Protein backbone atom coordinates (compact mmCIF):
# COMPACT_ATOMS: atom_id res chain seq x y z
CA MET A 1 -5.52 5.94 6.15
CA ASN A 2 -3.58 2.79 6.96
CA VAL A 3 0.05 3.73 7.40
CA HIS A 4 1.04 0.03 7.02
CA LEU A 5 -0.57 -0.10 3.56
CA LEU A 6 1.21 3.07 2.59
CA ALA A 7 4.38 1.67 3.79
CA LEU A 8 3.99 -1.58 1.75
CA SER A 9 3.11 0.57 -1.39
CA LEU A 10 6.45 2.32 -0.97
CA SER A 11 8.47 -0.91 -1.21
CA THR A 12 10.57 -1.28 -4.23
CA ALA A 13 10.63 -5.06 -3.79
CA LEU A 14 6.77 -5.45 -3.72
CA THR A 15 5.17 -4.93 -7.02
CA PRO A 16 1.30 -4.62 -7.11
CA ARG A 17 1.20 -8.19 -8.34
CA LEU A 18 3.35 -9.54 -5.59
CA LEU A 19 1.26 -7.58 -3.04
CA ARG A 20 -1.98 -9.16 -4.44
CA GLY A 21 -0.37 -12.56 -4.11
CA LEU A 22 0.62 -11.86 -0.68
CA HIS A 23 -3.02 -10.61 0.04
CA GLU A 24 -4.52 -13.80 -1.22
CA LEU A 25 -1.99 -15.83 0.82
CA CYS A 26 -2.46 -13.91 4.10
CA GLY A 27 -6.29 -13.20 3.65
CA SER A 28 -6.02 -9.39 4.22
CA TRP A 29 -3.76 -6.43 3.76
CA GLU A 30 -2.92 -6.20 7.42
CA GLY A 31 -1.96 -9.87 7.33
CA ILE A 32 0.93 -9.04 5.04
CA TRP A 33 2.39 -6.71 7.61
CA ASP A 34 2.11 -9.45 10.26
CA LEU A 35 4.34 -11.83 8.24
CA ASP A 36 7.75 -12.48 9.54
CA GLU A 37 10.30 -10.07 7.79
CA LYS A 38 12.51 -13.10 6.87
CA LYS A 39 9.56 -14.72 5.09
CA LEU A 40 8.78 -11.37 3.20
CA ASP A 41 12.38 -11.05 2.31
CA ALA A 42 12.53 -14.65 0.90
CA TYR A 43 9.27 -13.97 -1.00
CA CYS A 44 10.69 -10.83 -2.55
CA ARG A 45 14.06 -12.40 -3.46
CA HIS A 46 12.31 -15.39 -4.94
CA HIS A 47 9.95 -13.35 -7.15
CA ARG A 48 11.97 -10.14 -7.80
CA ARG A 49 15.55 -10.97 -6.62
CA LEU A 50 15.28 -7.77 -4.60
CA PRO A 51 15.47 -7.73 -0.72
CA PHE A 52 12.63 -6.62 1.31
CA GLU A 53 13.56 -3.17 2.85
CA GLY A 54 12.36 -4.05 6.23
CA GLY A 55 9.21 -2.87 8.01
CA ASP A 56 10.83 -0.19 10.23
CA ALA A 57 12.47 1.45 7.26
CA LEU A 58 9.17 1.49 5.28
CA LEU A 59 7.30 2.83 8.18
CA ARG A 60 9.78 5.76 8.50
CA ARG A 61 9.47 6.39 4.80
CA ALA A 62 5.63 6.30 5.05
CA GLU A 63 5.69 8.76 7.98
CA ALA A 64 7.91 11.04 6.01
CA VAL A 65 5.57 10.81 2.94
CA LEU A 66 2.49 11.65 5.21
CA SER A 67 4.33 14.58 6.60
CA ASP A 68 5.07 15.94 3.18
CA CYS A 69 1.41 15.24 2.19
CA ARG A 70 0.14 17.27 5.09
CA LYS A 71 2.36 20.21 4.18
CA GLY A 72 1.11 20.13 0.64
CA SER A 73 -2.59 19.70 1.74
CA LEU A 74 -2.69 16.24 0.08
CA ARG A 75 -4.87 13.49 1.35
CA VAL A 76 -3.86 9.88 1.32
CA LEU A 77 -6.37 7.09 0.93
CA THR A 78 -5.78 3.35 1.28
CA PRO A 79 -8.05 0.40 0.86
CA GLY A 80 -10.35 0.10 3.65
CA ASP A 81 -10.93 3.89 4.04
CA GLY A 82 -14.54 4.93 3.66
CA ALA A 83 -13.53 7.39 0.91
CA TYR A 84 -11.48 4.87 -1.04
CA PRO A 85 -13.23 4.26 -4.30
CA GLN A 86 -15.04 0.87 -4.30
CA ARG A 87 -14.40 0.31 -7.99
CA LEU A 88 -10.61 0.69 -7.65
CA GLY A 89 -10.81 -1.80 -4.74
CA GLU A 90 -12.23 -4.37 -7.19
CA ILE A 91 -9.39 -4.22 -9.74
CA TYR A 92 -6.58 -6.94 -9.51
CA ASP A 93 -3.58 -4.55 -9.10
CA LEU A 94 -5.39 -2.01 -7.07
CA PRO A 95 -3.28 1.08 -5.81
CA LEU A 96 -2.54 0.71 -2.15
CA ALA A 97 -2.33 4.47 -1.82
CA LEU A 98 -4.11 7.34 -3.49
CA PHE A 99 -2.80 10.86 -3.23
CA LEU A 100 -5.45 13.46 -3.67
CA ALA A 101 -5.38 17.26 -4.02
CA GLY A 102 -9.03 18.23 -3.50
CA GLU A 103 -11.80 15.80 -4.25
CA LEU A 104 -11.92 12.49 -6.10
CA PRO A 105 -12.73 12.81 -9.81
CA PRO A 106 -16.42 12.02 -10.56
CA GLN A 107 -15.48 8.87 -12.53
CA LEU A 108 -13.75 7.52 -9.36
CA GLN A 109 -16.59 8.40 -7.03
CA ASP A 110 -18.86 5.52 -5.89
CA PRO A 111 -22.40 5.60 -7.38
């Protein structure tokens, strides 16, 4: 589970479409996190007119979400995890975080 992807998925300023555009611009999901926060803020304000919350604040939120998930026996999957469904990774607006109680439904499991 990539805590940075979970943090990005919690951003109110970054929609799935904006995240996909940033992914294409940066070449990887991790590359988005490596962008200067001022550039991310400008990108968000240009496309959504919302400020980027800041990496530290999002990481704190992500850690709190992970803590809550552990207490509730939930698993969190992000793209790049071995258990993340390949078919979901191929859609344009893929979810950056999946929250699971138990196992993946059969229709999401890789063949």
